[in-house]
Amino acid sequence: MFKKVCIIGVGLIGGSMARASRKNNLCDEIVGVGRSEKHLQKAVQLGVIDRYELSIPKATEHADAVVVCSPVGSFEAIFRQLKTMWSKHCLYTDVGSTKQSVLQALESVFGKVPANFVPAHPIAGSENNGVEASNDFLFDGKRSILTPIEGTDDRSLQLCREWWEGMGARVSSMTPQHHDEVFAATSHLPHVLAFSLVEVLKNKQDKREIFEYAAGGFKDFTRIASSDPEMWADICLANGSELLKVMKELEQINQKISLLIDRKDKQGLLEIFKSAQGAREYFLSLQTK
């Protein structure tokens, strides 16, 4: 499919893309690039990439597919380096958890979004970070969302779709704005809640006993608080407008629940809890289809 793939940021997602591409014979050579030579050396030792470069322009030379897998806050600086070696014959894409910010960064650097750039977001991950956590099955059966805009090259879009399908993903498309609205609610907000809850409990004087006696529900709910803090700080800022909207909605429902508790209104609490329970059961039914 590709002769040379360049992966900018060889961590969990970038490393898993490399492994899945290799496993499914989607490329001949994989070159990694990043800030830490130690991490890149580890990626070579693990057989994730064939070789590495510390220079983005050098790493992308003669590549026919380039994917940006670094935190979204770094994208504009990366695009400025990519611009010096940009090729109309190459597919460029990303895996950022926000999409409007990616397009804004491209417009800032290029004056417009290049036609051969296809914004993408694989809905797969782990609370574990780094290339050591990567695997060749991370995307199997998982969704990968493409958010093309008017002017996106049809050939590049189809090529990106085929790449993700070749790695085992189920590909769908939506607008960048709708993507950011959906994932502010379903992904970004839950991470903020997990970080917030752990921080609240950490600051309590009896925190040692709280953590010692915490049940499985606490562990399950706060699992994602082990995620990369830098990455999630970038995501919150990049999708701030949509995230703040859904945080306001959460604040309103929490205020309502607080009032019901204060009034000892069991029926009111039951109505909210049963409604939420039913919504979650519906969500779970969708996952089995």
C-alpha atoms as a PDB file:
ATOM      1  CA  MET A   1       0.000   0.000   0.000  1.00  0.00           C
ATOM      2  CA  PHE A   2       2.772   2.420   1.019  1.00  0.00           C
ATOM      3  CA  LYS A   3       6.483   2.270   0.361  1.00  0.00           C
ATOM      4  CA  LYS A   4       7.432   4.560   3.247  1.00  0.00           C
ATOM      5  CA  VAL A   5       5.324   5.595   6.229  1.00  0.00           C
ATOM      6  CA  CYS A   6       6.528   8.313   8.584  1.00  0.00           C
ATOM      7  CA  ILE A   7       5.087   8.405  12.099  1.00  0.00           C
ATOM      8  CA  ILE A   8       5.531  11.616  14.065  1.00  0.00           C
ATOM      9  CA  GLY A   9       5.256  10.623  17.711  1.00  0.00           C
ATOM     10  CA  VAL A  10       5.874   6.921  18.283  1.00  0.00           C
ATOM     11  CA  GLY A  11       3.824   6.335  21.423  1.00  0.00           C
ATOM     12  CA  LEU A  12       0.774   4.188  22.107  1.00  0.00           C
ATOM     13  CA  ILE A  13      -1.206   5.229  19.024  1.00  0.00           C
ATOM     14  CA  GLY A  14       1.710   5.858  16.666  1.00  0.00           C
ATOM     15  CA  GLY A  15       3.391   2.640  17.735  1.00  0.00           C
ATOM     16  CA  SER A  16       0.171   0.671  17.323  1.00  0.00           C
ATOM     17  CA  MET A  17      -0.317   2.117  13.844  1.00  0.00           C
ATOM     18  CA  ALA A  18       3.199   0.977  12.979  1.00  0.00           C
ATOM     19  CA  ARG A  19       2.614  -2.514  14.382  1.00  0.00           C
ATOM     20  CA  ALA A  20      -0.787  -2.903  12.700  1.00  0.00           C
ATOM     21  CA  SER A  21       0.559  -1.605   9.376  1.00  0.00           C
ATOM     22  CA  ARG A  22       3.429  -4.057   9.502  1.00  0.00           C
ATOM     23  CA  LYS A  23       1.243  -6.984  10.564  1.00  0.00           C
ATOM     24  CA  ASN A  24      -1.178  -6.353   7.694  1.00  0.00           C
ATOM     25  CA  ASN A  25       1.513  -5.705   5.068  1.00  0.00           C
ATOM     26  CA  LEU A  26       0.402  -2.121   4.492  1.00  0.00           C
ATOM     27  CA  CYS A  27       3.882  -0.654   4.071  1.00  0.00           C
ATOM     28  CA  ASP A  28       7.487  -1.546   3.246  1.00  0.00           C
ATOM     29  CA  GLU A  29       9.314   0.836   5.612  1.00  0.00           C
ATOM     30  CA  ILE A  30       8.333   2.677   8.792  1.00  0.00           C
ATOM     31  CA  VAL A  31      10.329   5.696   9.950  1.00  0.00           C
ATOM     32  CA  GLY A  32       9.665   7.294  13.318  1.00  0.00           C
ATOM     33  CA  VAL A  33      10.442  10.822  14.401  1.00  0.00           C
ATOM     34  CA  GLY A  34      10.140  12.519  17.766  1.00  0.00           C
ATOM     35  CA  ARG A  35      11.809  14.625  20.426  1.00  0.00           C
ATOM     36  CA  SER A  36      13.334  11.825  22.501  1.00  0.00           C
ATOM     37  CA  GLU A  37      16.057   9.759  20.886  1.00  0.00           C
ATOM     38  CA  LYS A  38      15.911   7.344  23.819  1.00  0.00           C
ATOM     39  CA  HIS A  39      12.248   6.591  23.115  1.00  0.00           C
ATOM     40  CA  LEU A  40      12.890   6.226  19.397  1.00  0.00           C
ATOM     41  CA  GLN A  41      15.739   3.806  20.076  1.00  0.00           C
ATOM     42  CA  LYS A  42      13.358   1.777  22.217  1.00  0.00           C
ATOM     43  CA  ALA A  43      10.862   1.701  19.342  1.00  0.00           C
ATOM     44  CA  VAL A  44      13.549   0.298  17.038  1.00  0.00           C
ATOM     45  CA  GLN A  45      14.601  -2.284  19.650  1.00  0.00           C
ATOM     46  CA  LEU A  46      10.982  -3.424  19.992  1.00  0.00           C
ATOM     47  CA  GLY A  47      10.685  -3.785  16.217  1.00  0.00           C
ATOM     48  CA  VAL A  48       7.941  -1.153  16.055  1.00  0.00           C
ATOM     49  CA  ILE A  49       9.769   1.031  13.517  1.00  0.00           C
ATOM     50  CA  ASP A  50      12.613   0.281  11.116  1.00  0.00           C
ATOM     51  CA  ARG A  51      14.606   3.428  11.839  1.00  0.00           C
ATOM     52  CA  TYR A  52      14.230   6.938  13.188  1.00  0.00           C
ATOM     53  CA  GLU A  53      15.186  10.538  12.571  1.00  0.00           C
ATOM     54  CA  LEU A  54      15.213  13.542  14.891  1.00  0.00           C
ATOM     55  CA  SER A  55      14.430  15.926  12.042  1.00  0.00           C
ATOM     56  CA  ILE A  56      10.870  16.003  10.671  1.00  0.00           C
ATOM     57  CA  PRO A  57      11.870  17.232   7.197  1.00  0.00           C
ATOM     58  CA  LYS A  58      14.492  14.498   6.920  1.00  0.00           C
ATOM     59  CA  ALA A  59      12.158  11.806   8.241  1.00  0.00           C
ATOM     60  CA  THR A  60       9.406  12.681   5.767  1.00  0.00           C
ATOM     61  CA  GLU A  61      11.618  12.832   2.698  1.00  0.00           C
ATOM     62  CA  HIS A  62      10.173  10.535  -0.032  1.00  0.00           C
ATOM     63  CA  ALA A  63       7.403   9.336   2.332  1.00  0.00           C
ATOM     64  CA  ASP A  64       4.051   8.521   0.765  1.00  0.00           C
ATOM     65  CA  ALA A  65       2.164   8.572   4.094  1.00  0.00           C
ATOM     66  CA  VAL A  66       2.779  10.813   7.111  1.00  0.00           C
ATOM     67  CA  VAL A  67       0.721  10.661  10.301  1.00  0.00           C
ATOM     68  CA  VAL A  68       0.986  13.103  13.216  1.00  0.00           C
ATOM     69  CA  CYS A  69       0.550  11.249  16.517  1.00  0.00           C
ATOM     70  CA  SER A  70       1.848  13.838  18.975  1.00  0.00           C
ATOM     71  CA  PRO A  71      -0.251  15.928  21.441  1.00  0.00           C
ATOM     72  CA  VAL A  72      -2.550  18.358  19.608  1.00  0.00           C
ATOM     73  CA  GLY A  73      -0.853  21.328  21.247  1.00  0.00           C
ATOM     74  CA  SER A  74       2.272  20.587  19.219  1.00  0.00           C
ATOM     75  CA  PHE A  75       0.559  20.407  15.832  1.00  0.00           C
ATOM     76  CA  GLU A  76       1.162  23.941  14.587  1.00  0.00           C
ATOM     77  CA  ALA A  77       4.907  23.700  15.228  1.00  0.00           C
ATOM     78  CA  ILE A  78       4.970  20.311  13.481  1.00  0.00           C
ATOM     79  CA  PHE A  79       3.042  21.651  10.494  1.00  0.00           C
ATOM     80  CA  ARG A  80       5.598  24.453  10.121  1.00  0.00           C
ATOM     81  CA  GLN A  81       8.332  21.838   9.831  1.00  0.00           C
ATOM     82  CA  LEU A  82       6.270  19.676   7.478  1.00  0.00           C
ATOM     83  CA  LYS A  83       5.653  22.659   5.218  1.00  0.00           C
ATOM     84  CA  THR A  84       9.317  22.770   4.177  1.00  0.00           C
ATOM     85  CA  MET A  85       9.067  19.276   2.623  1.00  0.00           C
ATOM     86  CA  TRP A  86       5.346  19.057   1.824  1.00  0.00           C
ATOM     87  CA  SER A  87       4.631  16.785  -1.142  1.00  0.00           C
ATOM     88  CA  LYS A  88       1.410  16.725  -3.152  1.00  0.00           C
ATOM     89  CA  HIS A  89       2.030  13.021  -3.795  1.00  0.00           C
ATOM     90  CA  CYS A  90       1.939  12.114  -0.079  1.00  0.00           C
ATOM     91  CA  LEU A  91      -1.019  11.378   2.211  1.00  0.00           C
ATOM     92  CA  TYR A  92      -0.921  13.451   5.400  1.00  0.00           C
ATOM     93  CA  THR A  93      -3.199  12.677   8.328  1.00  0.00           C
ATOM     94  CA  ASP A  94      -3.343  12.773  12.132  1.00  0.00           C
ATOM     95  CA  VAL A  95      -4.884  11.019  15.127  1.00  0.00           C
ATOM     96  CA  GLY A  96      -5.785  14.059  17.225  1.00  0.00           C
ATOM     97  CA  SER A  97      -8.728  13.880  19.628  1.00  0.00           C
ATOM     98  CA  THR A  98      -9.892  17.319  18.497  1.00  0.00           C
ATOM     99  CA  LYS A  99     -10.440  18.249  14.879  1.00  0.00           C
ATOM    100  CA  GLN A 100     -11.314  21.928  14.567  1.00  0.00           C
ATOM    101  CA  SER A 101      -8.061  22.887  16.309  1.00  0.00           C
ATOM    102  CA  VAL A 102      -6.100  20.760  13.818  1.00  0.00           C
ATOM    103  CA  LEU A 103      -7.702  22.562  10.881  1.00  0.00           C
ATOM    104  CA  GLN A 104      -7.037  25.935  12.514  1.00  0.00           C
ATOM    105  CA  ALA A 105      -3.362  25.020  12.930  1.00  0.00           C
ATOM    106  CA  LEU A 106      -3.132  24.032   9.271  1.00  0.00           C
ATOM    107  CA  GLU A 107      -4.773  27.268   8.167  1.00  0.00           C
ATOM    108  CA  SER A 108      -2.379  29.247  10.349  1.00  0.00           C
ATOM    109  CA  VAL A 109       0.631  27.620   8.681  1.00  0.00           C
ATOM    110  CA  PHE A 110      -0.543  27.120   5.087  1.00  0.00           C
ATOM    111  CA  GLY A 111      -3.249  29.754   4.768  1.00  0.00           C
ATOM    112  CA  LYS A 112      -5.681  26.935   4.003  1.00  0.00           C
ATOM    113  CA  VAL A 113      -6.062  23.226   4.698  1.00  0.00           C
ATOM    114  CA  PRO A 114      -3.984  21.296   2.142  1.00  0.00           C
ATOM    115  CA  ALA A 115      -6.164  19.040  -0.013  1.00  0.00           C
ATOM    116  CA  ASN A 116      -4.067  15.951   0.753  1.00  0.00           C
ATOM    117  CA  PHE A 117      -4.458  16.282   4.532  1.00  0.00           C
ATOM    118  CA  VAL A 118      -7.195  14.022   5.932  1.00  0.00           C
ATOM    119  CA  PRO A 119      -8.114  14.681   9.601  1.00  0.00           C
ATOM    120  CA  ALA A 120      -8.702  11.436  11.487  1.00  0.00           C
ATOM    121  CA  HIS A 121      -9.332  10.165  15.000  1.00  0.00           C
ATOM    122  CA  PRO A 122      -9.149   6.482  15.997  1.00  0.00           C
ATOM    123  CA  ILE A 123     -11.483   5.720  18.893  1.00  0.00           C
ATOM    124  CA  ALA A 124      -9.055   3.402  20.617  1.00  0.00           C
ATOM    125  CA  GLY A 125      -6.576   3.818  23.399  1.00  0.00           C
ATOM    126  CA  SER A 126      -5.442   2.846  26.866  1.00  0.00           C
ATOM    127  CA  GLU A 127      -4.556   4.471  30.147  1.00  0.00           C
ATOM    128  CA  ASN A 128      -1.057   3.127  29.530  1.00  0.00           C
ATOM    129  CA  ASN A 129       1.315   5.363  27.620  1.00  0.00           C
ATOM    130  CA  GLY A 130       4.380   5.001  25.440  1.00  0.00           C
ATOM    131  CA  VAL A 131       5.579   2.722  22.699  1.00  0.00           C
ATOM    132  CA  GLU A 132       5.885  -0.155  25.173  1.00  0.00           C
ATOM    133  CA  ALA A 133       2.075  -0.165  25.478  1.00  0.00           C
ATOM    134  CA  SER A 134       1.538  -0.313  21.697  1.00  0.00           C
ATOM    135  CA  ASN A 135       0.208  -3.445  20.008  1.00  0.00           C
ATOM    136  CA  ASP A 136      -0.893  -4.630  16.564  1.00  0.00           C
ATOM    137  CA  PHE A 137      -4.560  -5.192  17.490  1.00  0.00           C
ATOM    138  CA  LEU A 138      -5.463  -1.880  19.156  1.00  0.00           C
ATOM    139  CA  PHE A 139      -7.736  -0.844  16.282  1.00  0.00           C
ATOM    140  CA  ASP A 140      -9.390  -4.204  15.607  1.00  0.00           C
ATOM    141  CA  GLY A 141     -13.131  -3.608  15.423  1.00  0.00           C
ATOM    142  CA  LYS A 142     -12.751  -0.057  16.769  1.00  0.00           C
ATOM    143  CA  ARG A 143     -14.078   3.041  15.074  1.00  0.00           C
ATOM    144  CA  SER A 144     -11.851   5.478  13.259  1.00  0.00           C
ATOM    145  CA  ILE A 145     -13.495   8.753  12.351  1.00  0.00           C
ATOM    146  CA  LEU A 146     -12.487  10.824   9.338  1.00  0.00           C
ATOM    147  CA  THR A 147     -13.524  14.481   9.245  1.00  0.00           C
ATOM    148  CA  PRO A 148     -12.914  15.669   5.681  1.00  0.00           C
ATOM    149  CA  ILE A 149     -13.861  19.195   4.671  1.00  0.00           C
ATOM    150  CA  GLU A 150     -14.860  20.776   1.382  1.00  0.00           C
ATOM    151  CA  GLY A 151     -11.752  20.602  -0.766  1.00  0.00           C
ATOM    152  CA  THR A 152     -10.327  17.402   0.728  1.00  0.00           C
ATOM    153  CA  ASP A 153      -8.852  15.344  -2.105  1.00  0.00           C
ATOM    154  CA  ASP A 154     -11.009  12.295  -2.878  1.00  0.00           C
ATOM    155  CA  ARG A 155      -8.020  10.061  -3.586  1.00  0.00           C
ATOM    156  CA  SER A 156      -6.345  10.997  -0.283  1.00  0.00           C
ATOM    157  CA  LEU A 157      -9.607  10.428   1.594  1.00  0.00           C
ATOM    158  CA  GLN A 158     -10.062   6.981   0.074  1.00  0.00           C
ATOM    159  CA  LEU A 159      -6.433   6.081   0.736  1.00  0.00           C
ATOM    160  CA  CYS A 160      -6.758   7.092   4.385  1.00  0.00           C
ATOM    161  CA  ARG A 161      -9.962   5.084   4.701  1.00  0.00           C
ATOM    162  CA  GLU A 162      -8.280   1.993   3.210  1.00  0.00           C
ATOM    163  CA  TRP A 163      -5.315   2.390   5.563  1.00  0.00           C
ATOM    164  CA  TRP A 164      -7.532   2.399   8.643  1.00  0.00           C
ATOM    165  CA  GLU A 165      -9.633  -0.471   7.362  1.00  0.00           C
ATOM    166  CA  GLY A 166      -6.429  -2.375   6.662  1.00  0.00           C
ATOM    167  CA  MET A 167      -5.458  -1.896  10.316  1.00  0.00           C
ATOM    168  CA  GLY A 168      -8.779  -3.442  11.406  1.00  0.00           C
ATOM    169  CA  ALA A 169     -10.803  -0.305  12.116  1.00  0.00           C
ATOM    170  CA  ARG A 170     -14.410   0.455  11.201  1.00  0.00           C
ATOM    171  CA  VAL A 171     -14.318   3.801   9.433  1.00  0.00           C
ATOM    172  CA  SER A 172     -16.999   6.480   9.549  1.00  0.00           C
ATOM    173  CA  SER A 173     -17.115  10.187   8.718  1.00  0.00           C
ATOM    174  CA  MET A 174     -18.544  13.347  10.285  1.00  0.00           C
ATOM    175  CA  THR A 175     -17.907  17.073  10.206  1.00  0.00           C
ATOM    176  CA  PRO A 176     -15.085  18.455  12.382  1.00  0.00           C
ATOM    177  CA  GLN A 177     -17.550  20.539  14.403  1.00  0.00           C
ATOM    178  CA  HIS A 178     -19.849  17.590  15.106  1.00  0.00           C
ATOM    179  CA  HIS A 179     -16.824  15.468  16.040  1.00  0.00           C
ATOM    180  CA  ASP A 180     -15.666  17.969  18.638  1.00  0.00           C
ATOM    181  CA  GLU A 181     -19.171  18.325  20.077  1.00  0.00           C
ATOM    182  CA  VAL A 182     -19.614  14.554  20.389  1.00  0.00           C
ATOM    183  CA  PHE A 183     -16.232  13.856  21.945  1.00  0.00           C
ATOM    184  CA  ALA A 184     -16.384  16.756  24.358  1.00  0.00           C
ATOM    185  CA  ALA A 185     -19.288  14.874  25.942  1.00  0.00           C
ATOM    186  CA  THR A 186     -18.248  11.251  25.514  1.00  0.00           C
ATOM    187  CA  SER A 187     -14.488  11.395  25.987  1.00  0.00           C
ATOM    188  CA  HIS A 188     -13.110  14.744  27.110  1.00  0.00           C
ATOM    189  CA  LEU A 189     -15.589  15.333  29.936  1.00  0.00           C
ATOM    190  CA  PRO A 190     -15.136  11.827  31.461  1.00  0.00           C
ATOM    191  CA  HIS A 191     -11.368  12.384  31.590  1.00  0.00           C
ATOM    192  CA  VAL A 192     -11.843  15.746  33.320  1.00  0.00           C
ATOM    193  CA  LEU A 193     -14.188  14.098  35.834  1.00  0.00           C
ATOM    194  CA  ALA A 194     -11.721  11.306  36.573  1.00  0.00           C
ATOM    195  CA  PHE A 195      -8.840  13.717  37.103  1.00  0.00           C
ATOM    196  CA  SER A 196     -11.056  15.986  39.234  1.00  0.00           C
ATOM    197  CA  LEU A 197     -12.344  13.212  41.501  1.00  0.00           C
ATOM    198  CA  VAL A 198      -8.887  11.847  42.236  1.00  0.00           C
ATOM    199  CA  GLU A 199      -7.611  15.376  42.921  1.00  0.00           C
ATOM    200  CA  VAL A 200     -10.485  16.072  45.341  1.00  0.00           C
ATOM    201  CA  LEU A 201      -9.871  12.873  47.289  1.00  0.00           C
ATOM    202  CA  LYS A 202      -6.104  13.357  47.260  1.00  0.00           C
ATOM    203  CA  ASN A 203      -6.514  16.681  49.023  1.00  0.00           C
ATOM    204  CA  LYS A 204      -8.613  15.300  51.860  1.00  0.00           C
ATOM    205  CA  GLN A 205      -6.777  14.841  55.149  1.00  0.00           C
ATOM    206  CA  ASP A 206      -7.783  11.200  55.430  1.00  0.00           C
ATOM    207  CA  LYS A 207      -6.715  10.446  51.842  1.00  0.00           C
ATOM    208  CA  ARG A 208      -4.661   7.389  52.795  1.00  0.00           C
ATOM    209  CA  GLU A 209      -7.702   5.610  54.197  1.00  0.00           C
ATOM    210  CA  ILE A 210      -9.898   6.788  51.328  1.00  0.00           C
ATOM    211  CA  PHE A 211      -7.607   5.199  48.765  1.00  0.00           C
ATOM    212  CA  GLU A 212      -6.991   2.141  50.924  1.00  0.00           C
ATOM    213  CA  TYR A 213     -10.670   1.301  51.239  1.00  0.00           C
ATOM    214  CA  ALA A 214     -11.842   2.445  47.822  1.00  0.00           C
ATOM    215  CA  ALA A 215     -13.955  -0.196  46.107  1.00  0.00           C
ATOM    216  CA  GLY A 216     -13.825  -1.498  42.547  1.00  0.00           C
ATOM    217  CA  GLY A 217     -16.174   1.207  41.323  1.00  0.00           C
ATOM    218  CA  PHE A 218     -13.630   3.881  42.260  1.00  0.00           C
ATOM    219  CA  LYS A 219     -10.895   2.019  40.426  1.00  0.00           C
ATOM    220  CA  ASP A 220     -13.045   1.575  37.310  1.00  0.00           C
ATOM    221  CA  PHE A 221     -14.269   5.162  37.266  1.00  0.00           C
ATOM    222  CA  THR A 222     -10.833   6.709  37.782  1.00  0.00           C
ATOM    223  CA  ARG A 223      -8.871   4.375  35.484  1.00  0.00           C
ATOM    224  CA  ILE A 224      -8.550   7.061  32.824  1.00  0.00           C
ATOM    225  CA  ALA A 225      -6.955   9.441  35.326  1.00  0.00           C
ATOM    226  CA  SER A 226      -3.788   7.433  34.637  1.00  0.00           C
ATOM    227  CA  SER A 227      -3.774   8.832  31.092  1.00  0.00           C
ATOM    228  CA  ASP A 228      -1.068  11.199  29.837  1.00  0.00           C
ATOM    229  CA  PRO A 229      -1.619  14.564  31.622  1.00  0.00           C
ATOM    230  CA  GLU A 230       0.093  16.647  28.918  1.00  0.00           C
ATOM    231  CA  MET A 231      -2.003  15.110  26.174  1.00  0.00           C
ATOM    232  CA  TRP A 232      -5.249  15.726  28.061  1.00  0.00           C
ATOM    233  CA  ALA A 233      -4.345  19.283  29.024  1.00  0.00           C
ATOM    234  CA  ASP A 234      -3.812  19.967  25.314  1.00  0.00           C
ATOM    235  CA  ILE A 235      -7.123  18.329  24.414  1.00  0.00           C
ATOM    236  CA  CYS A 236      -9.059  20.368  27.001  1.00  0.00           C
ATOM    237  CA  LEU A 237      -7.619  23.617  25.681  1.00  0.00           C
ATOM    238  CA  ALA A 238      -8.005  22.640  22.022  1.00  0.00           C
ATOM    239  CA  ASN A 239     -11.692  21.771  22.468  1.00  0.00           C
ATOM    240  CA  GLY A 240     -12.377  24.272  25.221  1.00  0.00           C
ATOM    241  CA  SER A 241     -15.533  25.844  23.802  1.00  0.00           C
ATOM    242  CA  GLU A 242     -17.354  22.523  23.371  1.00  0.00           C
ATOM    243  CA  LEU A 243     -16.043  21.100  26.631  1.00  0.00           C
ATOM    244  CA  LEU A 244     -17.169  24.122  28.649  1.00  0.00           C
ATOM    245  CA  LYS A 245     -20.700  23.736  27.259  1.00  0.00           C
ATOM    246  CA  VAL A 246     -21.068  20.164  28.467  1.00  0.00           C
ATOM    247  CA  MET A 247     -19.347  20.978  31.792  1.00  0.00           C
ATOM    248  CA  LYS A 248     -22.015  23.643  32.329  1.00  0.00           C
ATOM    249  CA  GLU A 249     -24.730  21.046  31.681  1.00  0.00           C
ATOM    250  CA  LEU A 250     -23.081  18.703  34.201  1.00  0.00           C
ATOM    251  CA  GLU A 251     -22.933  21.509  36.747  1.00  0.00           C
ATOM    252  CA  GLN A 252     -26.669  22.075  36.342  1.00  0.00           C
ATOM    253  CA  ILE A 253     -27.604  18.414  36.854  1.00  0.00           C
ATOM    254  CA  ASN A 254     -25.279  18.178  39.869  1.00  0.00           C
ATOM    255  CA  GLN A 255     -26.955  21.234  41.387  1.00  0.00           C
ATOM    256  CA  LYS A 256     -30.337  19.584  40.848  1.00  0.00           C
ATOM    257  CA  ILE A 257     -29.169  16.371  42.523  1.00  0.00           C
ATOM    258  CA  SER A 258     -27.716  18.352  45.424  1.00  0.00           C
ATOM    259  CA  LEU A 259     -31.050  20.089  45.917  1.00  0.00           C
ATOM    260  CA  LEU A 260     -32.942  16.762  45.836  1.00  0.00           C
ATOM    261  CA  ILE A 261     -30.606  15.306  48.456  1.00  0.00           C
ATOM    262  CA  ASP A 262     -31.001  18.383  50.632  1.00  0.00           C
ATOM    263  CA  ARG A 263     -34.772  18.046  50.381  1.00  0.00           C
ATOM    264  CA  LYS A 264     -34.579  14.286  51.020  1.00  0.00           C
ATOM    265  CA  ASP A 265     -36.522  13.806  47.784  1.00  0.00           C
ATOM    266  CA  LYS A 266     -36.050  10.107  47.059  1.00  0.00           C
ATOM    267  CA  GLN A 267     -38.544  10.064  44.200  1.00  0.00           C
ATOM    268  CA  GLY A 268     -36.710  12.865  42.422  1.00  0.00           C
ATOM    269  CA  LEU A 269     -33.414  11.033  42.791  1.00  0.00           C
ATOM    270  CA  LEU A 270     -34.966   7.794  41.539  1.00  0.00           C
ATOM    271  CA  GLU A 271     -36.259   9.490  38.415  1.00  0.00           C
ATOM    272  CA  ILE A 272     -32.797  10.799  37.501  1.00  0.00           C
ATOM    273  CA  PHE A 273     -30.972   7.596  38.419  1.00  0.00           C
ATOM    274  CA  LYS A 274     -33.434   5.331  36.566  1.00  0.00           C
ATOM    275  CA  SER A 275     -33.294   7.582  33.520  1.00  0.00           C
ATOM    276  CA  ALA A 276     -29.490   7.422  33.548  1.00  0.00           C
ATOM    277  CA  GLN A 277     -29.550   3.655  34.087  1.00  0.00           C
ATOM    278  CA  GLY A 278     -31.824   3.184  31.091  1.00  0.00           C
ATOM    279  CA  ALA A 279     -29.631   5.396  28.924  1.00  0.00           C
ATOM    280  CA  ARG A 280     -26.541   3.370  29.851  1.00  0.00           C
ATOM    281  CA  GLU A 281     -28.273   0.067  29.107  1.00  0.00           C
ATOM    282  CA  TYR A 282     -29.206   1.449  25.692  1.00  0.00           C
ATOM    283  CA  PHE A 283     -25.571   2.467  25.149  1.00  0.00           C
ATOM    284  CA  LEU A 284     -24.412  -1.053  26.058  1.00  0.00           C
ATOM    285  CA  SER A 285     -26.917  -2.579  23.633  1.00  0.00           C
ATOM    286  CA  LEU A 286     -25.408  -0.504  20.837  1.00  0.00           C
ATOM    287  CA  GLN A 287     -21.940  -1.841  21.646  1.00  0.00           C
ATOM    288  CA  THR A 288     -23.065  -5.433  21.029  1.00  0.00           C
ATOM    289  CA  LYS A 289     -24.411  -4.713  17.532  1.00  0.00           C
END
